[in-house]
Amino acid sequence: MTFQPRELFPDRSARDLFGAEIRRHREKADMSLRRLSEVLNYSKSHLARIEAAECLPYDDLPAKLDACFGTDGMFARLYALAKNEPFPRKYRRMIELESRAAIIEQYVGATFPGLLQTAELAEHSLRSGFPHAPDAEIQAMVKARIDRQVLLARAKPPRCWFVLDEAVLRRPVGGPAVMRDQLSSLLERGTQSHVTIQVLPFTAGGHAEAGGSLTLFTTPGEPPVAYDESSQSGLIVEDQGDVAQRRENYDLLRAMALSPRDSEAMIRAVMEDWTPCQPPRT
């Protein structure tokens, strides 16, 4: 089968344009990605992701590209614009909806919501999802994720309601210390008047959103929007019939979940499970 390079959209953003210019110049020079990675002494897999606008470069790659192709600082100037777009194209609309919403309601079944993650848990989670990514790329993604949380500290923050599957509390990510700190942060967030956290216990059984996550965004003067996400993809849902179905699913999950007070008690109990045992005295 002949390899078909991913279609690029340079008119959509500076980040996309940066990747498209890499492809245009290397094809003009009759260079494969492998050959370019050898010339630049740069990871081929990471270079491919930058070209596809899935991640941003790091270190001195823009300068290396300018030197390789004789582009007189063009890649450095493009990078100065592209670095202001920390999220890949497929997530940008969701991030924009999140930033404008007056009400954010979310169910997660596998990991803590990005808006509630500590930096340590975010790093371990991203390393699991991108095992071959360089440290600098992971740190850039962690920063982008944590920076989103500024909306929870705004003068007029959104009303946030989170329903967490019990599996989220019990799946080890980063080890006991990371999990304990994450749960402690969760309890602290839950004291904010605009944040409500509930736990959906294993005893609740099966439900319509099992295996993924669901977010509902409500913005004044606009129709509500839903966002479905799995480990590999995300889907923005705007058809109001489909949004209404997801609203019903979410309301049922909220009804099946423990009360906020009982949820806090479960979180505290699970925290104790993540407390390292003291060695016996001899």
C-alpha atoms as a PDB file:
ATOM      1  CA  MET A   1       0.000   0.000   0.000  1.00  0.00           C
ATOM      2  CA  THR A   2       1.332   3.466  -0.923  1.00  0.00           C
ATOM      3  CA  PHE A   3       1.739   5.827   2.019  1.00  0.00           C
ATOM      4  CA  GLN A   4      -0.645   8.790   1.849  1.00  0.00           C
ATOM      5  CA  PRO A   5       0.530  11.814   3.862  1.00  0.00           C
ATOM      6  CA  ARG A   6      -2.073  13.466   6.064  1.00  0.00           C
ATOM      7  CA  GLU A   7      -3.872  16.420   4.505  1.00  0.00           C
ATOM      8  CA  LEU A   8      -2.755  19.761   5.917  1.00  0.00           C
ATOM      9  CA  PHE A   9      -4.804  22.947   6.353  1.00  0.00           C
ATOM     10  CA  PRO A  10      -2.382  25.917   6.374  1.00  0.00           C
ATOM     11  CA  ASP A  11      -5.228  28.452   6.233  1.00  0.00           C
ATOM     12  CA  ARG A  12      -6.682  27.359   9.587  1.00  0.00           C
ATOM     13  CA  SER A  13      -3.994  28.505  12.018  1.00  0.00           C
ATOM     14  CA  ALA A  14      -0.344  29.462  12.439  1.00  0.00           C
ATOM     15  CA  ARG A  15       0.254  26.024  13.931  1.00  0.00           C
ATOM     16  CA  ASP A  16      -1.100  24.345  10.797  1.00  0.00           C
ATOM     17  CA  LEU A  17       0.849  26.749   8.588  1.00  0.00           C
ATOM     18  CA  PHE A  18       4.085  25.877  10.420  1.00  0.00           C
ATOM     19  CA  GLY A  19       3.565  22.173   9.658  1.00  0.00           C
ATOM     20  CA  ALA A  20       2.534  22.828   6.072  1.00  0.00           C
ATOM     21  CA  GLU A  21       5.665  24.907   5.444  1.00  0.00           C
ATOM     22  CA  ILE A  22       7.857  22.086   6.735  1.00  0.00           C
ATOM     23  CA  ARG A  23       6.236  19.710   4.259  1.00  0.00           C
ATOM     24  CA  ARG A  24       6.394  22.223   1.378  1.00  0.00           C
ATOM     25  CA  HIS A  25      10.082  22.944   1.863  1.00  0.00           C
ATOM     26  CA  ARG A  26      11.195  19.347   2.401  1.00  0.00           C
ATOM     27  CA  GLU A  27       9.232  18.156  -0.661  1.00  0.00           C
ATOM     28  CA  LYS A  28      10.729  21.017  -2.678  1.00  0.00           C
ATOM     29  CA  ALA A  29      14.145  19.767  -1.522  1.00  0.00           C
ATOM     30  CA  ASP A  30      13.103  16.172  -2.358  1.00  0.00           C
ATOM     31  CA  MET A  31      13.627  15.065   1.241  1.00  0.00           C
ATOM     32  CA  SER A  32      11.771  12.358   3.121  1.00  0.00           C
ATOM     33  CA  LEU A  33      10.842  12.829   6.759  1.00  0.00           C
ATOM     34  CA  ARG A  34      13.510  10.292   7.679  1.00  0.00           C
ATOM     35  CA  ARG A  35      16.185  12.185   5.769  1.00  0.00           C
ATOM     36  CA  LEU A  36      15.107  15.510   7.292  1.00  0.00           C
ATOM     37  CA  SER A  37      15.203  14.004  10.783  1.00  0.00           C
ATOM     38  CA  GLU A  38      18.758  12.810  10.126  1.00  0.00           C
ATOM     39  CA  VAL A  39      19.873  16.232   8.865  1.00  0.00           C
ATOM     40  CA  LEU A  40      18.293  18.025  11.834  1.00  0.00           C
ATOM     41  CA  ASN A  41      19.235  15.333  14.397  1.00  0.00           C
ATOM     42  CA  TYR A  42      15.608  15.306  15.470  1.00  0.00           C
ATOM     43  CA  SER A  43      13.119  12.539  16.212  1.00  0.00           C
ATOM     44  CA  LYS A  44      11.362  11.418  13.025  1.00  0.00           C
ATOM     45  CA  SER A  45       8.137  10.543  14.857  1.00  0.00           C
ATOM     46  CA  HIS A  46       8.039  13.914  16.590  1.00  0.00           C
ATOM     47  CA  LEU A  47       8.835  15.704  13.332  1.00  0.00           C
ATOM     48  CA  ALA A  48       5.917  13.899  11.676  1.00  0.00           C
ATOM     49  CA  ARG A  49       3.554  15.047  14.436  1.00  0.00           C
ATOM     50  CA  ILE A  50       4.769  18.654  14.117  1.00  0.00           C
ATOM     51  CA  GLU A  51       4.229  18.543  10.354  1.00  0.00           C
ATOM     52  CA  ALA A  52       0.682  17.256  10.938  1.00  0.00           C
ATOM     53  CA  ALA A  53       0.064  20.096  13.467  1.00  0.00           C
ATOM     54  CA  GLU A  54      -0.509  17.561  16.251  1.00  0.00           C
ATOM     55  CA  CYS A  55       2.173  19.090  18.479  1.00  0.00           C
ATOM     56  CA  LEU A  56       4.554  22.031  18.599  1.00  0.00           C
ATOM     57  CA  PRO A  57       8.343  21.985  18.195  1.00  0.00           C
ATOM     58  CA  TYR A  58      10.727  22.587  21.062  1.00  0.00           C
ATOM     59  CA  ASP A  59      14.357  23.569  21.599  1.00  0.00           C
ATOM     60  CA  ASP A  60      15.933  25.117  18.513  1.00  0.00           C
ATOM     61  CA  LEU A  61      14.025  23.299  15.779  1.00  0.00           C
ATOM     62  CA  PRO A  62      12.738  26.510  14.074  1.00  0.00           C
ATOM     63  CA  ALA A  63      16.328  27.801  13.785  1.00  0.00           C
ATOM     64  CA  LYS A  64      17.482  24.407  12.466  1.00  0.00           C
ATOM     65  CA  LEU A  65      14.723  24.462   9.832  1.00  0.00           C
ATOM     66  CA  ASP A  66      15.687  27.973   8.743  1.00  0.00           C
ATOM     67  CA  ALA A  67      19.334  26.904   8.445  1.00  0.00           C
ATOM     68  CA  CYS A  68      18.422  23.714   6.557  1.00  0.00           C
ATOM     69  CA  PHE A  69      16.140  25.365   4.013  1.00  0.00           C
ATOM     70  CA  GLY A  70      17.711  28.831   3.885  1.00  0.00           C
ATOM     71  CA  THR A  71      14.438  30.508   4.839  1.00  0.00           C
ATOM     72  CA  ASP A  72      15.951  33.539   6.602  1.00  0.00           C
ATOM     73  CA  GLY A  73      14.089  33.250   9.914  1.00  0.00           C
ATOM     74  CA  MET A  74      10.685  32.372   8.470  1.00  0.00           C
ATOM     75  CA  PHE A  75      10.231  29.294  10.688  1.00  0.00           C
ATOM     76  CA  ALA A  76      11.319  31.257  13.768  1.00  0.00           C
ATOM     77  CA  ARG A  77       8.713  33.934  12.996  1.00  0.00           C
ATOM     78  CA  LEU A  78       5.995  31.359  12.337  1.00  0.00           C
ATOM     79  CA  TYR A  79       6.825  29.598  15.597  1.00  0.00           C
ATOM     80  CA  ALA A  80       6.414  32.858  17.507  1.00  0.00           C
ATOM     81  CA  LEU A  81       2.781  32.817  16.338  1.00  0.00           C
ATOM     82  CA  ALA A  82       2.197  29.051  16.500  1.00  0.00           C
ATOM     83  CA  LYS A  83       3.272  28.728  20.136  1.00  0.00           C
ATOM     84  CA  ASN A  84       0.218  30.809  21.080  1.00  0.00           C
ATOM     85  CA  GLU A  85      -1.903  27.841  19.950  1.00  0.00           C
ATOM     86  CA  PRO A  86      -1.019  25.122  22.497  1.00  0.00           C
ATOM     87  CA  PHE A  87      -3.824  22.727  21.508  1.00  0.00           C
ATOM     88  CA  PRO A  88      -4.116  20.646  18.313  1.00  0.00           C
ATOM     89  CA  ARG A  89      -6.847  21.613  15.863  1.00  0.00           C
ATOM     90  CA  LYS A  90      -9.161  18.772  16.923  1.00  0.00           C
ATOM     91  CA  TYR A  91      -9.356  20.151  20.478  1.00  0.00           C
ATOM     92  CA  ARG A  92      -9.490  23.897  19.792  1.00  0.00           C
ATOM     93  CA  ARG A  93     -13.254  24.178  19.389  1.00  0.00           C
ATOM     94  CA  MET A  94     -13.810  22.289  22.645  1.00  0.00           C
ATOM     95  CA  ILE A  95     -11.344  24.552  24.482  1.00  0.00           C
ATOM     96  CA  GLU A  96     -13.078  27.621  23.044  1.00  0.00           C
ATOM     97  CA  LEU A  97     -16.489  26.320  24.185  1.00  0.00           C
ATOM     98  CA  GLU A  98     -15.059  25.594  27.629  1.00  0.00           C
ATOM     99  CA  SER A  99     -13.618  29.103  27.956  1.00  0.00           C
ATOM    100  CA  ARG A 100     -16.977  30.791  27.175  1.00  0.00           C
ATOM    101  CA  ALA A 101     -19.406  28.472  28.967  1.00  0.00           C
ATOM    102  CA  ALA A 102     -21.406  29.687  31.966  1.00  0.00           C
ATOM    103  CA  ILE A 103     -22.165  26.087  32.982  1.00  0.00           C
ATOM    104  CA  ILE A 104     -19.876  23.075  32.484  1.00  0.00           C
ATOM    105  CA  GLU A 105     -21.214  19.613  33.346  1.00  0.00           C
ATOM    106  CA  GLN A 106     -18.925  16.645  32.886  1.00  0.00           C
ATOM    107  CA  TYR A 107     -18.883  12.902  33.428  1.00  0.00           C
ATOM    108  CA  VAL A 108     -15.580  11.013  33.243  1.00  0.00           C
ATOM    109  CA  GLY A 109     -15.141   7.268  33.399  1.00  0.00           C
ATOM    110  CA  ALA A 110     -11.383   6.745  33.114  1.00  0.00           C
ATOM    111  CA  THR A 111      -9.329   9.640  34.464  1.00  0.00           C
ATOM    112  CA  PHE A 112      -9.705  12.918  36.325  1.00  0.00           C
ATOM    113  CA  PRO A 113     -11.090  15.856  34.318  1.00  0.00           C
ATOM    114  CA  GLY A 114      -8.379  18.120  32.925  1.00  0.00           C
ATOM    115  CA  LEU A 115      -9.883  21.046  34.843  1.00  0.00           C
ATOM    116  CA  LEU A 116      -9.278  19.178  38.132  1.00  0.00           C
ATOM    117  CA  GLN A 117      -5.915  17.503  37.531  1.00  0.00           C
ATOM    118  CA  THR A 118      -2.756  18.307  39.454  1.00  0.00           C
ATOM    119  CA  ALA A 119       0.353  18.939  37.373  1.00  0.00           C
ATOM    120  CA  GLU A 120       1.912  15.696  38.631  1.00  0.00           C
ATOM    121  CA  LEU A 121      -1.057  13.551  37.662  1.00  0.00           C
ATOM    122  CA  ALA A 122      -1.358  15.347  34.305  1.00  0.00           C
ATOM    123  CA  GLU A 123       2.280  14.563  33.545  1.00  0.00           C
ATOM    124  CA  HIS A 124       1.926  10.851  34.346  1.00  0.00           C
ATOM    125  CA  SER A 125      -1.337  10.648  32.411  1.00  0.00           C
ATOM    126  CA  LEU A 126       0.169  12.321  29.333  1.00  0.00           C
ATOM    127  CA  ARG A 127       3.253  10.118  29.466  1.00  0.00           C
ATOM    128  CA  SER A 128       0.960   7.085  29.369  1.00  0.00           C
ATOM    129  CA  GLY A 129      -0.881   8.502  26.368  1.00  0.00           C
ATOM    130  CA  PHE A 130       2.282   9.635  24.534  1.00  0.00           C
ATOM    131  CA  PRO A 131       4.971   7.157  25.640  1.00  0.00           C
ATOM    132  CA  HIS A 132       7.461   8.192  22.933  1.00  0.00           C
ATOM    133  CA  ALA A 133       7.068  11.971  23.275  1.00  0.00           C
ATOM    134  CA  PRO A 134      10.167  13.911  24.377  1.00  0.00           C
ATOM    135  CA  ASP A 135      10.190  15.466  27.849  1.00  0.00           C
ATOM    136  CA  ALA A 136       9.889  18.995  26.452  1.00  0.00           C
ATOM    137  CA  GLU A 137       6.728  18.074  24.545  1.00  0.00           C
ATOM    138  CA  ILE A 138       5.188  16.459  27.635  1.00  0.00           C
ATOM    139  CA  GLN A 139       5.957  19.529  29.734  1.00  0.00           C
ATOM    140  CA  ALA A 140       4.382  21.790  27.105  1.00  0.00           C
ATOM    141  CA  MET A 141       1.213  19.668  27.139  1.00  0.00           C
ATOM    142  CA  VAL A 142       1.119  19.676  30.945  1.00  0.00           C
ATOM    143  CA  LYS A 143       1.381  23.474  30.977  1.00  0.00           C
ATOM    144  CA  ALA A 144      -1.396  23.809  28.404  1.00  0.00           C
ATOM    145  CA  ARG A 145      -3.664  21.524  30.447  1.00  0.00           C
ATOM    146  CA  ILE A 146      -3.008  23.263  33.770  1.00  0.00           C
ATOM    147  CA  ASP A 147      -3.358  26.719  32.198  1.00  0.00           C
ATOM    148  CA  ARG A 148      -6.967  25.841  31.345  1.00  0.00           C
ATOM    149  CA  GLN A 149      -7.772  25.792  35.050  1.00  0.00           C
ATOM    150  CA  VAL A 150      -7.476  29.577  35.283  1.00  0.00           C
ATOM    151  CA  LEU A 151     -11.155  29.786  34.337  1.00  0.00           C
ATOM    152  CA  LEU A 152     -12.048  28.225  37.733  1.00  0.00           C
ATOM    153  CA  ALA A 153     -10.418  31.209  39.455  1.00  0.00           C
ATOM    154  CA  ARG A 154     -12.033  33.955  37.374  1.00  0.00           C
ATOM    155  CA  ALA A 155     -14.050  36.709  39.030  1.00  0.00           C
ATOM    156  CA  LYS A 156     -17.141  35.100  37.470  1.00  0.00           C
ATOM    157  CA  PRO A 157     -16.212  31.424  37.067  1.00  0.00           C
ATOM    158  CA  PRO A 158     -18.470  28.923  35.303  1.00  0.00           C
ATOM    159  CA  ARG A 159     -20.786  26.736  37.356  1.00  0.00           C
ATOM    160  CA  CYS A 160     -19.055  23.348  37.207  1.00  0.00           C
ATOM    161  CA  TRP A 161     -20.560  19.954  37.976  1.00  0.00           C
ATOM    162  CA  PHE A 162     -18.341  16.871  37.800  1.00  0.00           C
ATOM    163  CA  VAL A 163     -19.479  13.247  38.040  1.00  0.00           C
ATOM    164  CA  LEU A 164     -16.496  10.894  38.445  1.00  0.00           C
ATOM    165  CA  ASP A 165     -16.713   7.150  38.056  1.00  0.00           C
ATOM    166  CA  GLU A 166     -15.327   5.342  41.108  1.00  0.00           C
ATOM    167  CA  ALA A 167     -12.710   3.784  38.801  1.00  0.00           C
ATOM    168  CA  VAL A 168     -11.161   7.244  38.400  1.00  0.00           C
ATOM    169  CA  LEU A 169     -10.377   7.335  42.118  1.00  0.00           C
ATOM    170  CA  ARG A 170      -8.957   3.821  42.246  1.00  0.00           C
ATOM    171  CA  ARG A 171      -6.938   3.483  39.027  1.00  0.00           C
ATOM    172  CA  PRO A 172      -3.278   4.093  39.983  1.00  0.00           C
ATOM    173  CA  VAL A 173      -1.692   6.883  37.962  1.00  0.00           C
ATOM    174  CA  GLY A 174       1.796   7.901  39.032  1.00  0.00           C
ATOM    175  CA  GLY A 175       1.809   5.966  42.300  1.00  0.00           C
ATOM    176  CA  PRO A 176       0.274   6.402  45.773  1.00  0.00           C
ATOM    177  CA  ALA A 177       1.768   9.849  46.491  1.00  0.00           C
ATOM    178  CA  VAL A 178       0.503  11.305  43.204  1.00  0.00           C
ATOM    179  CA  MET A 179      -2.955   9.804  43.732  1.00  0.00           C
ATOM    180  CA  ARG A 180      -3.187  11.033  47.315  1.00  0.00           C
ATOM    181  CA  ASP A 181      -2.213  14.573  46.309  1.00  0.00           C
ATOM    182  CA  GLN A 182      -4.726  14.441  43.450  1.00  0.00           C
ATOM    183  CA  LEU A 183      -7.560  13.377  45.758  1.00  0.00           C
ATOM    184  CA  SER A 184      -6.573  16.056  48.279  1.00  0.00           C
ATOM    185  CA  SER A 185      -6.744  18.651  45.491  1.00  0.00           C
ATOM    186  CA  LEU A 186     -10.129  17.247  44.483  1.00  0.00           C
ATOM    187  CA  LEU A 187     -11.480  17.768  47.999  1.00  0.00           C
ATOM    188  CA  GLU A 188     -10.192  21.326  48.012  1.00  0.00           C
ATOM    189  CA  ARG A 189     -11.843  22.079  44.675  1.00  0.00           C
ATOM    190  CA  GLY A 190     -15.086  20.674  46.013  1.00  0.00           C
ATOM    191  CA  THR A 191     -15.211  23.388  48.692  1.00  0.00           C
ATOM    192  CA  GLN A 192     -15.576  26.092  46.029  1.00  0.00           C
ATOM    193  CA  SER A 193     -19.168  27.300  45.770  1.00  0.00           C
ATOM    194  CA  HIS A 194     -19.207  27.031  41.970  1.00  0.00           C
ATOM    195  CA  VAL A 195     -17.862  23.446  41.888  1.00  0.00           C
ATOM    196  CA  THR A 196     -19.844  20.304  42.717  1.00  0.00           C
ATOM    197  CA  ILE A 197     -18.217  16.866  42.656  1.00  0.00           C
ATOM    198  CA  GLN A 198     -20.066  13.547  42.779  1.00  0.00           C
ATOM    199  CA  VAL A 199     -18.800   9.977  42.555  1.00  0.00           C
ATOM    200  CA  LEU A 200     -20.634   7.328  40.553  1.00  0.00           C
ATOM    201  CA  PRO A 201     -19.996   4.124  42.571  1.00  0.00           C
ATOM    202  CA  PHE A 202     -19.420   0.705  41.044  1.00  0.00           C
ATOM    203  CA  THR A 203     -22.704  -0.386  42.639  1.00  0.00           C
ATOM    204  CA  ALA A 204     -24.590   1.921  40.249  1.00  0.00           C
ATOM    205  CA  GLY A 205     -24.032  -0.663  37.512  1.00  0.00           C
ATOM    206  CA  GLY A 206     -24.093  -0.056  33.767  1.00  0.00           C
ATOM    207  CA  HIS A 207     -25.129   3.152  32.053  1.00  0.00           C
ATOM    208  CA  ALA A 208     -25.289   4.834  28.645  1.00  0.00           C
ATOM    209  CA  GLU A 209     -21.970   6.707  28.907  1.00  0.00           C
ATOM    210  CA  ALA A 210     -19.820   3.812  30.138  1.00  0.00           C
ATOM    211  CA  GLY A 211     -16.377   3.725  28.547  1.00  0.00           C
ATOM    212  CA  GLY A 212     -15.994   7.403  27.675  1.00  0.00           C
ATOM    213  CA  SER A 213     -16.644  10.903  28.891  1.00  0.00           C
ATOM    214  CA  LEU A 214     -19.404  13.433  28.290  1.00  0.00           C
ATOM    215  CA  THR A 215     -19.355  17.200  28.712  1.00  0.00           C
ATOM    216  CA  LEU A 216     -22.260  19.633  28.369  1.00  0.00           C
ATOM    217  CA  PHE A 217     -21.570  23.322  27.741  1.00  0.00           C
ATOM    218  CA  THR A 218     -24.217  25.977  28.391  1.00  0.00           C
ATOM    219  CA  THR A 219     -23.514  29.506  27.184  1.00  0.00           C
ATOM    220  CA  PRO A 220     -26.114  32.310  27.573  1.00  0.00           C
ATOM    221  CA  GLY A 221     -27.902  33.138  24.352  1.00  0.00           C
ATOM    222  CA  GLU A 222     -26.597  30.057  22.538  1.00  0.00           C
ATOM    223  CA  PRO A 223     -27.908  26.499  22.099  1.00  0.00           C
ATOM    224  CA  PRO A 224     -26.314  23.955  24.459  1.00  0.00           C
ATOM    225  CA  VAL A 225     -23.463  21.874  23.051  1.00  0.00           C
ATOM    226  CA  ALA A 226     -22.248  18.393  24.033  1.00  0.00           C
ATOM    227  CA  TYR A 227     -18.784  16.924  23.707  1.00  0.00           C
ATOM    228  CA  ASP A 228     -18.142  13.171  23.616  1.00  0.00           C
ATOM    229  CA  GLU A 229     -14.578  12.000  24.128  1.00  0.00           C
ATOM    230  CA  SER A 230     -12.827   8.642  24.045  1.00  0.00           C
ATOM    231  CA  SER A 231      -9.134   7.815  24.403  1.00  0.00           C
ATOM    232  CA  GLN A 232      -8.575   8.397  20.677  1.00  0.00           C
ATOM    233  CA  SER A 233     -11.110  10.980  19.545  1.00  0.00           C
ATOM    234  CA  GLY A 234     -13.513  13.742  20.486  1.00  0.00           C
ATOM    235  CA  LEU A 235     -16.841  14.710  18.936  1.00  0.00           C
ATOM    236  CA  ILE A 236     -18.676  18.027  19.294  1.00  0.00           C
ATOM    237  CA  VAL A 237     -22.438  17.468  19.158  1.00  0.00           C
ATOM    238  CA  GLU A 238     -24.637  20.404  18.161  1.00  0.00           C
ATOM    239  CA  ASP A 239     -27.802  18.739  16.836  1.00  0.00           C
ATOM    240  CA  GLN A 240     -30.276  19.675  19.548  1.00  0.00           C
ATOM    241  CA  GLY A 241     -32.022  16.296  19.489  1.00  0.00           C
ATOM    242  CA  ASP A 242     -28.709  14.547  20.099  1.00  0.00           C
ATOM    243  CA  VAL A 243     -27.742  17.091  22.759  1.00  0.00           C
ATOM    244  CA  ALA A 244     -31.081  16.489  24.521  1.00  0.00           C
ATOM    245  CA  GLN A 245     -30.383  12.737  24.601  1.00  0.00           C
ATOM    246  CA  ARG A 246     -27.004  13.364  26.183  1.00  0.00           C
ATOM    247  CA  ARG A 247     -28.600  15.743  28.649  1.00  0.00           C
ATOM    248  CA  GLU A 248     -30.945  12.953  29.717  1.00  0.00           C
ATOM    249  CA  ASN A 249     -27.999  10.562  30.045  1.00  0.00           C
ATOM    250  CA  TYR A 250     -26.116  13.052  32.194  1.00  0.00           C
ATOM    251  CA  ASP A 251     -29.081  13.783  34.445  1.00  0.00           C
ATOM    252  CA  LEU A 252     -29.520  10.048  35.026  1.00  0.00           C
ATOM    253  CA  LEU A 253     -25.825   9.696  35.900  1.00  0.00           C
ATOM    254  CA  ARG A 254     -26.115  12.567  38.341  1.00  0.00           C
ATOM    255  CA  ALA A 255     -29.135  10.918  39.950  1.00  0.00           C
ATOM    256  CA  MET A 256     -27.315   7.557  40.198  1.00  0.00           C
ATOM    257  CA  ALA A 257     -24.216   9.138  41.764  1.00  0.00           C
ATOM    258  CA  LEU A 258     -23.564   9.577  45.456  1.00  0.00           C
ATOM    259  CA  SER A 259     -24.558  12.888  47.005  1.00  0.00           C
ATOM    260  CA  PRO A 260     -21.781  15.508  47.207  1.00  0.00           C
ATOM    261  CA  ARG A 261     -21.405  14.792  50.959  1.00  0.00           C
ATOM    262  CA  ASP A 262     -21.241  11.016  50.482  1.00  0.00           C
ATOM    263  CA  SER A 263     -18.903  11.534  47.534  1.00  0.00           C
ATOM    264  CA  GLU A 264     -16.555  13.519  49.759  1.00  0.00           C
ATOM    265  CA  ALA A 265     -16.628  10.685  52.289  1.00  0.00           C
ATOM    266  CA  MET A 266     -15.720   8.144  49.595  1.00  0.00           C
ATOM    267  CA  ILE A 267     -12.879  10.324  48.315  1.00  0.00           C
ATOM    268  CA  ARG A 268     -11.480  10.590  51.843  1.00  0.00           C
ATOM    269  CA  ALA A 269     -11.749   6.822  52.300  1.00  0.00           C
ATOM    270  CA  VAL A 270      -9.942   6.146  49.024  1.00  0.00           C
ATOM    271  CA  MET A 271      -7.251   8.635  50.050  1.00  0.00           C
ATOM    272  CA  GLU A 272      -6.505   6.398  53.000  1.00  0.00           C
ATOM    273  CA  ASP A 273      -6.100   3.473  50.607  1.00  0.00           C
ATOM    274  CA  TRP A 274      -3.401   5.494  48.797  1.00  0.00           C
ATOM    275  CA  THR A 275      -1.526   6.230  52.040  1.00  0.00           C
ATOM    276  CA  PRO A 276       1.740   4.236  52.121  1.00  0.00           C
ATOM    277  CA  CYS A 277       1.885   1.697  54.922  1.00  0.00           C
ATOM    278  CA  GLN A 278       4.453   2.379  57.613  1.00  0.00           C
ATOM    279  CA  PRO A 279       7.054  -0.393  57.952  1.00  0.00           C
ATOM    280  CA  PRO A 280       6.646  -2.422  61.130  1.00  0.00           C
ATOM    281  CA  ARG A 281       8.860  -1.504  64.022  1.00  0.00           C
ATOM    282  CA  THR A 282      11.540  -4.014  64.908  1.00  0.00           C
END
